[in-house]
Every structure is written in structure tokens, then in C-alpha cells.
PDB file of all heavy atoms in Angstrom:
ATOM      1  N   VAL A   1     -59.518-104.905  23.485  1.00  0.00           N
ATOM      2  CA  VAL A   1     -59.990-104.164  24.658  1.00  0.00           C
ATOM      3  C   VAL A   1     -61.150-104.877  25.338  1.00  0.00           C
ATOM      4  O   VAL A   1     -61.605-104.433  26.401  1.00  0.00           O
ATOM      5  CB  VAL A   1     -60.414-102.731  24.267  1.00  0.00           C
ATOM      6  CG1 VAL A   1     -59.263-101.999  23.585  1.00  0.00           C
ATOM      7  CG2 VAL A   1     -61.645-102.740  23.365  1.00  0.00           C
ATOM      8  N   LEU A   2     -61.629-105.964  24.764  1.00  0.00           N
ATOM      9  CA  LEU A   2     -62.756-106.689  25.335  1.00  0.00           C
ATOM     10  C   LEU A   2     -62.301-107.620  26.452  1.00  0.00           C
ATOM     11  O   LEU A   2     -61.123-107.979  26.557  1.00  0.00           O
ATOM     12  CB  LEU A   2     -63.452-107.510  24.246  1.00  0.00           C
ATOM     13  CG  LEU A   2     -63.990-106.736  23.039  1.00  0.00           C
ATOM     14  CD1 LEU A   2     -64.569-107.710  22.014  1.00  0.00           C
ATOM     15  CD2 LEU A   2     -65.031-105.715  23.453  1.00  0.00           C
ATOM     16  N   LYS A   3     -63.240-108.017  27.275  1.00  0.00           N
ATOM     17  CA  LYS A   3     -62.954-108.986  28.317  1.00  0.00           C
ATOM     18  C   LYS A   3     -62.602-110.330  27.669  1.00  0.00           C
ATOM     19  O   LYS A   3     -63.077-110.630  26.570  1.00  0.00           O
ATOM     20  CB  LYS A   3     -64.169-109.147  29.236  1.00  0.00           C
ATOM     21  CG  LYS A   3     -64.525-107.878  30.008  1.00  0.00           C
ATOM     22  CD  LYS A   3     -65.741-108.110  30.890  1.00  0.00           C
ATOM     23  CE  LYS A   3     -66.097-106.857  31.663  1.00  0.00           C
ATOM     24  NZ  LYS A   3     -67.305-107.051  32.533  1.00  0.00           N
ATOM     25  N   PRO A   4     -61.792-111.141  28.338  1.00  0.00           N
ATOM     26  CA  PRO A   4     -61.355-112.406  27.740  1.00  0.00           C
ATOM     27  C   PRO A   4     -62.508-113.290  27.262  1.00  0.00           C
ATOM     28  O   PRO A   4     -62.443-113.871  26.171  1.00  0.00           O
ATOM     29  CB  PRO A   4     -60.571-113.076  28.872  1.00  0.00           C
ATOM     30  CG  PRO A   4     -60.064-111.935  29.693  1.00  0.00           C
ATOM     31  CD  PRO A   4     -61.130-110.884  29.631  1.00  0.00           C
ATOM     32  N   THR A   5     -63.570-113.399  28.065  1.00  0.00           N
ATOM     33  CA  THR A   5     -64.694-114.245  27.670  1.00  0.00           C
ATOM     34  C   THR A   5     -65.379-113.703  26.424  1.00  0.00           C
ATOM     35  O   THR A   5     -65.685-114.445  25.482  1.00  0.00           O
ATOM     36  CB  THR A   5     -65.719-114.346  28.813  1.00  0.00           C
ATOM     37  OG1 THR A   5     -65.075-114.847  29.988  1.00  0.00           O
ATOM     38  CG2 THR A   5     -66.862-115.282  28.421  1.00  0.00           C
ATOM     39  N   THR A   6     -65.604-112.391  26.411  1.00  0.00           N
ATOM     40  CA  THR A   6     -66.234-111.763  25.248  1.00  0.00           C
ATOM     41  C   THR A   6     -65.347-111.879  24.026  1.00  0.00           C
ATOM     42  O   THR A   6     -65.823-112.112  22.907  1.00  0.00           O
ATOM     43  CB  THR A   6     -66.526-110.275  25.538  1.00  0.00           C
ATOM     44  OG1 THR A   6     -67.290-110.169  26.746  1.00  0.00           O
ATOM     45  CG2 THR A   6     -67.294-109.643  24.393  1.00  0.00           C
ATOM     46  N   ARG A   7     -64.027-111.738  24.229  1.00  0.00           N
ATOM     47  CA  ARG A   7     -63.085-111.831  23.121  1.00  0.00           C
ATOM     48  C   ARG A   7     -63.124-113.228  22.493  1.00  0.00           C
ATOM     49  O   ARG A   7     -63.055-113.368  21.271  1.00  0.00           O
ATOM     50  CB  ARG A   7     -61.679-111.514  23.611  1.00  0.00           C
ATOM     51  CG  ARG A   7     -60.648-111.332  22.490  1.00  0.00           C
ATOM     52  CD  ARG A   7     -59.262-111.141  23.070  1.00  0.00           C
ATOM     53  NE  ARG A   7     -59.272-110.145  24.114  1.00  0.00           N
ATOM     54  CZ  ARG A   7     -58.598-110.237  25.253  1.00  0.00           C
ATOM     55  NH1 ARG A   7     -57.860-111.316  25.496  1.00  0.00           N
ATOM     56  NH2 ARG A   7     -58.648-109.271  26.150  1.00  0.00           N
ATOM     57  N   GLU A   8     -63.263-114.266  23.320  1.00  0.00           N
ATOM     58  CA  GLU A   8     -63.332-115.622  22.787  1.00  0.00           C
ATOM     59  C   GLU A   8     -64.592-115.828  21.956  1.00  0.00           C
ATOM     60  O   GLU A   8     -64.560-116.501  20.921  1.00  0.00           O
ATOM     61  CB  GLU A   8     -63.296-116.623  23.944  1.00  0.00           C
ATOM     62  CG  GLU A   8     -61.948-116.673  24.667  1.00  0.00           C
ATOM     63  CD  GLU A   8     -61.959-117.639  25.829  1.00  0.00           C
ATOM     64  OE1 GLU A   8     -63.013-118.305  26.036  1.00  0.00           O
ATOM     65  OE2 GLU A   8     -60.938-117.754  26.532  1.00  0.00           O
ATOM     66  N   ILE A   9     -65.703-115.244  22.398  1.00  0.00           N
ATOM     67  CA  ILE A   9     -66.954-115.375  21.650  1.00  0.00           C
ATOM     68  C   ILE A   9     -66.846-114.666  20.303  1.00  0.00           C
ATOM     69  O   ILE A   9     -67.240-115.205  19.262  1.00  0.00           O
ATOM     70  CB  ILE A   9     -68.130-114.800  22.475  1.00  0.00           C
ATOM     71  CG1 ILE A   9     -68.323-115.627  23.747  1.00  0.00           C
ATOM     72  CG2 ILE A   9     -69.409-114.784  21.635  1.00  0.00           C
ATOM     73  CD1 ILE A   9     -69.376-115.063  24.682  1.00  0.00           C
ATOM     74  N   ILE A  10     -66.317-113.451  20.320  1.00  0.00           N
ATOM     75  CA  ILE A  10     -66.164-112.683  19.087  1.00  0.00           C
ATOM     76  C   ILE A  10     -65.209-113.384  18.125  1.00  0.00           C
ATOM     77  O   ILE A  10     -65.390-113.342  16.904  1.00  0.00           O
ATOM     78  CB  ILE A  10     -65.661-111.263  19.381  1.00  0.00           C
ATOM     79  CG1 ILE A  10     -66.663-110.516  20.282  1.00  0.00           C
ATOM     80  CG2 ILE A  10     -65.425-110.479  18.102  1.00  0.00           C
ATOM     81  CD1 ILE A  10     -68.012-110.299  19.643  1.00  0.00           C
ATOM     82  N   SER A  11     -64.208-114.062  18.673  1.00  0.00           N
ATOM     83  CA  SER A  11     -63.221-114.751  17.829  1.00  0.00           C
ATOM     84  C   SER A  11     -63.831-115.927  17.074  1.00  0.00           C
ATOM     85  O   SER A  11     -63.272-116.365  16.058  1.00  0.00           O
ATOM     86  CB  SER A  11     -62.047-115.234  18.678  1.00  0.00           C
ATOM     87  OG  SER A  11     -61.367-114.150  19.276  1.00  0.00           O
ATOM     88  N   LEU A  12     -64.949-116.449  17.562  1.00  0.00           N
ATOM     89  CA  LEU A  12     -65.614-117.559  16.875  1.00  0.00           C
ATOM     90  C   LEU A  12     -66.291-117.105  15.589  1.00  0.00           C
ATOM     91  O   LEU A  12     -66.604-117.930  14.728  1.00  0.00           O
ATOM     92  CB  LEU A  12     -66.654-118.201  17.806  1.00  0.00           C
ATOM     93  CG  LEU A  12     -66.110-118.879  19.066  1.00  0.00           C
ATOM     94  CD1 LEU A  12     -67.258-119.389  19.926  1.00  0.00           C
ATOM     95  CD2 LEU A  12     -65.153-120.011  18.715  1.00  0.00           C
ATOM     96  N   ASN A  13     -66.520-115.818  15.457  1.00  0.00           N
ATOM     97  CA  ASN A  13     -67.123-115.269  14.247  1.00  0.00           C
ATOM     98  C   ASN A  13     -66.100-115.325  13.114  1.00  0.00           C
ATOM     99  O   ASN A  13     -65.019-114.740  13.227  1.00  0.00           O
ATOM    100  CB  ASN A  13     -67.562-113.825  14.506  1.00  0.00           C
ATOM    101  CG  ASN A  13     -68.202-113.177  13.295  1.00  0.00           C
ATOM    102  OD1 ASN A  13     -68.358-113.784  12.236  1.00  0.00           O
ATOM    103  ND2 ASN A  13     -68.568-111.919  13.453  1.00  0.00           N
ATOM    104  N   PRO A  14     -66.381-116.011  12.015  1.00  0.00           N
ATOM    105  CA  PRO A  14     -65.393-116.092  10.928  1.00  0.00           C
ATOM    106  C   PRO A  14     -65.032-114.732  10.354  1.00  0.00           C
ATOM    107  O   PRO A  14     -63.905-114.538   9.879  1.00  0.00           O
ATOM    108  CB  PRO A  14     -66.078-116.975   9.879  1.00  0.00           C
ATOM    109  CG  PRO A  14     -67.538-116.915  10.209  1.00  0.00           C
ATOM    110  CD  PRO A  14     -67.602-116.773  11.695  1.00  0.00           C
ATOM    111  N   LEU A  15     -65.951-113.783  10.404  1.00  0.00           N
ATOM    112  CA  LEU A  15     -65.658-112.452   9.885  1.00  0.00           C
ATOM    113  C   LEU A  15     -64.580-111.759  10.694  1.00  0.00           C
ATOM    114  O   LEU A  15     -63.891-110.869  10.191  1.00  0.00           O
ATOM    115  CB  LEU A  15     -66.926-111.593   9.871  1.00  0.00           C
ATOM    116  CG  LEU A  15     -68.019-112.030   8.889  1.00  0.00           C
ATOM    117  CD1 LEU A  15     -69.232-111.125   9.021  1.00  0.00           C
ATOM    118  CD2 LEU A  15     -67.507-112.021   7.459  1.00  0.00           C
ATOM    119  N   THR A  16     -64.434-112.149  11.951  1.00  0.00           N
ATOM    120  CA  THR A  16     -63.385-111.569  12.790  1.00  0.00           C
ATOM    121  C   THR A  16     -62.013-111.822  12.196  1.00  0.00           C
ATOM    122  O   THR A  16     -61.139-110.942  12.206  1.00  0.00           O
ATOM    123  CB  THR A  16     -63.459-112.150  14.212  1.00  0.00           C
ATOM    124  OG1 THR A  16     -64.721-111.803  14.802  1.00  0.00           O
ATOM    125  CG2 THR A  16     -62.340-111.603  15.095  1.00  0.00           C
ATOM    126  N   GLN A  17     -61.800-113.018  11.672  1.00  0.00           N
ATOM    127  CA  GLN A  17     -60.500-113.354  11.091  1.00  0.00           C
ATOM    128  C   GLN A  17     -60.220-112.508   9.860  1.00  0.00           C
ATOM    129  O   GLN A  17     -59.093-112.028   9.658  1.00  0.00           O
ATOM    130  CB  GLN A  17     -60.462-114.843  10.726  1.00  0.00           C
ATOM    131  CG  GLN A  17     -60.925-115.767  11.828  1.00  0.00           C
ATOM    132  CD  GLN A  17     -60.118-115.611  13.104  1.00  0.00           C
ATOM    133  OE1 GLN A  17     -58.917-115.329  13.068  1.00  0.00           O
ATOM    134  NE2 GLN A  17     -60.768-115.781  14.247  1.00  0.00           N
ATOM    135  N   PHE A  18     -61.244-112.301   9.029  1.00  0.00           N
ATOM    136  CA  PHE A  18     -61.050-111.496   7.828  1.00  0.00           C
ATOM    137  C   PHE A  18     -60.831-110.021   8.174  1.00  0.00           C
ATOM    138  O   PHE A  18     -60.020-109.348   7.533  1.00  0.00           O
ATOM    139  CB  PHE A  18     -62.238-111.658   6.885  1.00  0.00           C
ATOM    140  CG  PHE A  18     -62.313-112.997   6.235  1.00  0.00           C
ATOM    141  CD1 PHE A  18     -63.161-113.981   6.727  1.00  0.00           C
ATOM    142  CD2 PHE A  18     -61.520-113.296   5.136  1.00  0.00           C
ATOM    143  CE1 PHE A  18     -63.228-115.229   6.126  1.00  0.00           C
ATOM    144  CE2 PHE A  18     -61.574-114.543   4.531  1.00  0.00           C
ATOM    145  CZ  PHE A  18     -62.427-115.509   5.031  1.00  0.00           C
ATOM    146  N   MET A  19     -61.552-109.510   9.174  1.00  0.00           N
ATOM    147  CA  MET A  19     -61.332-108.128   9.592  1.00  0.00           C
ATOM    148  C   MET A  19     -59.919-107.945  10.134  1.00  0.00           C
ATOM    149  O   MET A  19     -59.302-106.891   9.943  1.00  0.00           O
ATOM    150  CB  MET A  19     -62.363-107.725  10.655  1.00  0.00           C
ATOM    151  CG  MET A  19     -63.773-107.613  10.115  1.00  0.00           C
ATOM    152  SD  MET A  19     -63.922-106.419   8.761  1.00  0.00           S
ATOM    153  CE  MET A  19     -65.499-106.918   8.054  1.00  0.00           C
ATOM    154  N   ASP A  20     -59.405-108.974  10.799  1.00  0.00           N
ATOM    155  CA  ASP A  20     -58.021-108.911  11.276  1.00  0.00           C
ATOM    156  C   ASP A  20     -57.050-108.789  10.103  1.00  0.00           C
ATOM    157  O   ASP A  20     -56.060-108.048  10.175  1.00  0.00           O
ATOM    158  CB  ASP A  20     -57.683-110.152  12.106  1.00  0.00           C
ATOM    159  CG  ASP A  20     -58.330-110.126  13.484  1.00  0.00           C
ATOM    160  OD1 ASP A  20     -58.681-109.029  13.940  1.00  0.00           O
ATOM    161  OD2 ASP A  20     -58.492-111.201  14.091  1.00  0.00           O
ATOM    162  N   LEU A  21     -57.332-109.521   9.013  1.00  0.00           N
ATOM    163  CA  LEU A  21     -56.477-109.433   7.826  1.00  0.00           C
ATOM    164  C   LEU A  21     -56.509-108.025   7.243  1.00  0.00           C
ATOM    165  O   LEU A  21     -55.460-107.430   6.944  1.00  0.00           O
ATOM    166  CB  LEU A  21     -56.930-110.440   6.765  1.00  0.00           C
ATOM    167  CG  LEU A  21     -56.965-111.926   7.127  1.00  0.00           C
ATOM    168  CD1 LEU A  21     -57.272-112.747   5.881  1.00  0.00           C
ATOM    169  CD2 LEU A  21     -55.663-112.381   7.739  1.00  0.00           C
ATOM    170  N   PHE A  22     -57.709-107.473   7.071  1.00  0.00           N
ATOM    171  CA  PHE A  22     -57.849-106.160   6.443  1.00  0.00           C
ATOM    172  C   PHE A  22     -57.294-105.045   7.328  1.00  0.00           C
ATOM    173  O   PHE A  22     -56.639-104.128   6.836  1.00  0.00           O
ATOM    174  CB  PHE A  22     -59.317-105.894   6.113  1.00  0.00           C
ATOM    175  CG  PHE A  22     -59.898-106.865   5.128  1.00  0.00           C
ATOM    176  CD1 PHE A  22     -61.147-107.443   5.326  1.00  0.00           C
ATOM    177  CD2 PHE A  22     -59.189-107.239   3.993  1.00  0.00           C
ATOM    178  CE1 PHE A  22     -61.683-108.338   4.423  1.00  0.00           C
ATOM    179  CE2 PHE A  22     -59.710-108.139   3.071  1.00  0.00           C
ATOM    180  CZ  PHE A  22     -60.959-108.686   3.303  1.00  0.00           C
ATOM    181  N   HIS A  23     -57.540-105.136   8.625  1.00  0.00           N
ATOM    182  CA  HIS A  23     -57.027-104.102   9.530  1.00  0.00           C
ATOM    183  C   HIS A  23     -55.506-104.161   9.643  1.00  0.00           C
ATOM    184  O   HIS A  23     -54.842-103.127   9.760  1.00  0.00           O
ATOM    185  CB  HIS A  23     -57.663-104.245  10.917  1.00  0.00           C
ATOM    186  CG  HIS A  23     -59.046-103.688  10.997  1.00  0.00           C
ATOM    187  ND1 HIS A  23     -60.081-104.309  11.675  1.00  0.00           N
ATOM    188  CD2 HIS A  23     -59.585-102.548  10.472  1.00  0.00           C
ATOM    189  CE1 HIS A  23     -61.181-103.580  11.566  1.00  0.00           C
ATOM    190  NE2 HIS A  23     -60.910-102.517  10.844  1.00  0.00           N
ATOM    191  N   ALA A  24     -54.957-105.373   9.599  1.00  0.00           N
ATOM    192  CA  ALA A  24     -53.500-105.496   9.665  1.00  0.00           C
ATOM    193  C   ALA A  24     -52.857-104.864   8.439  1.00  0.00           C
ATOM    194  O   ALA A  24     -51.895-104.093   8.549  1.00  0.00           O
ATOM    195  CB  ALA A  24     -53.097-106.965   9.790  1.00  0.00           C
ATOM    196  N   LEU A  25     -53.388-105.166   7.256  1.00  0.00           N
ATOM    197  CA  LEU A  25     -52.788-104.681   6.014  1.00  0.00           C
ATOM    198  C   LEU A  25     -53.057-103.200   5.779  1.00  0.00           C
ATOM    199  O   LEU A  25     -52.143-102.444   5.410  1.00  0.00           O
ATOM    200  CB  LEU A  25     -53.323-105.492   4.826  1.00  0.00           C
ATOM    201  CG  LEU A  25     -52.896-106.963   4.750  1.00  0.00           C
ATOM    202  CD1 LEU A  25     -53.651-107.684   3.651  1.00  0.00           C
ATOM    203  CD2 LEU A  25     -51.394-107.068   4.514  1.00  0.00           C
ATOM    204  N   LEU A  26     -54.295-102.769   5.988  1.00  0.00           N
ATOM    205  CA  LEU A  26     -54.700-101.425   5.605  1.00  0.00           C
ATOM    206  C   LEU A  26     -54.613-100.403   6.730  1.00  0.00           C
ATOM    207  O   LEU A  26     -54.466 -99.206   6.473  1.00  0.00           O
ATOM    208  CB  LEU A  26     -56.143-101.439   5.072  1.00  0.00           C
ATOM    209  CG  LEU A  26     -56.388-102.338   3.851  1.00  0.00           C
ATOM    210  CD1 LEU A  26     -57.874-102.327   3.481  1.00  0.00           C
ATOM    211  CD2 LEU A  26     -55.542-101.896   2.672  1.00  0.00           C
ATOM    212  N   TYR A  27     -54.693-100.875   7.968  1.00  0.00           N
ATOM    213  CA  TYR A  27     -54.695 -99.930   9.097  1.00  0.00           C
ATOM    214  C   TYR A  27     -53.367 -99.941   9.861  1.00  0.00           C
ATOM    215  O   TYR A  27     -52.722 -98.910  10.027  1.00  0.00           O
ATOM    216  CB  TYR A  27     -55.841-100.262  10.050  1.00  0.00           C
ATOM    217  CG  TYR A  27     -55.856 -99.425  11.308  1.00  0.00           C
ATOM    218  CD1 TYR A  27     -56.289 -98.102  11.274  1.00  0.00           C
ATOM    219  CD2 TYR A  27     -55.428 -99.951  12.529  1.00  0.00           C
ATOM    220  CE1 TYR A  27     -56.293 -97.329  12.426  1.00  0.00           C
ATOM    221  CE2 TYR A  27     -55.430 -99.195  13.682  1.00  0.00           C
ATOM    222  CZ  TYR A  27     -55.864 -97.877  13.626  1.00  0.00           C
ATOM    223  OH  TYR A  27     -55.847 -97.108  14.769  1.00  0.00           O
TER     224      TYR A  27
END
């Protein structure tokens, strides 16, 4: 739901990748 520029910045955070794993599996 974030703007493309903000989404790219957030994606640089390594924790974002792990949260994607946990949310995909558990949510």
C-alpha cells in the first residue's frame, strides 16, 4: 500500500524479507 519510492526504501531493510516469509506462511 506504500508509494513506489517508499516501498523501494523499505525493501532495502533485510528484516522486510524475513517478515515477508513469516507473513506468507503464517498469515
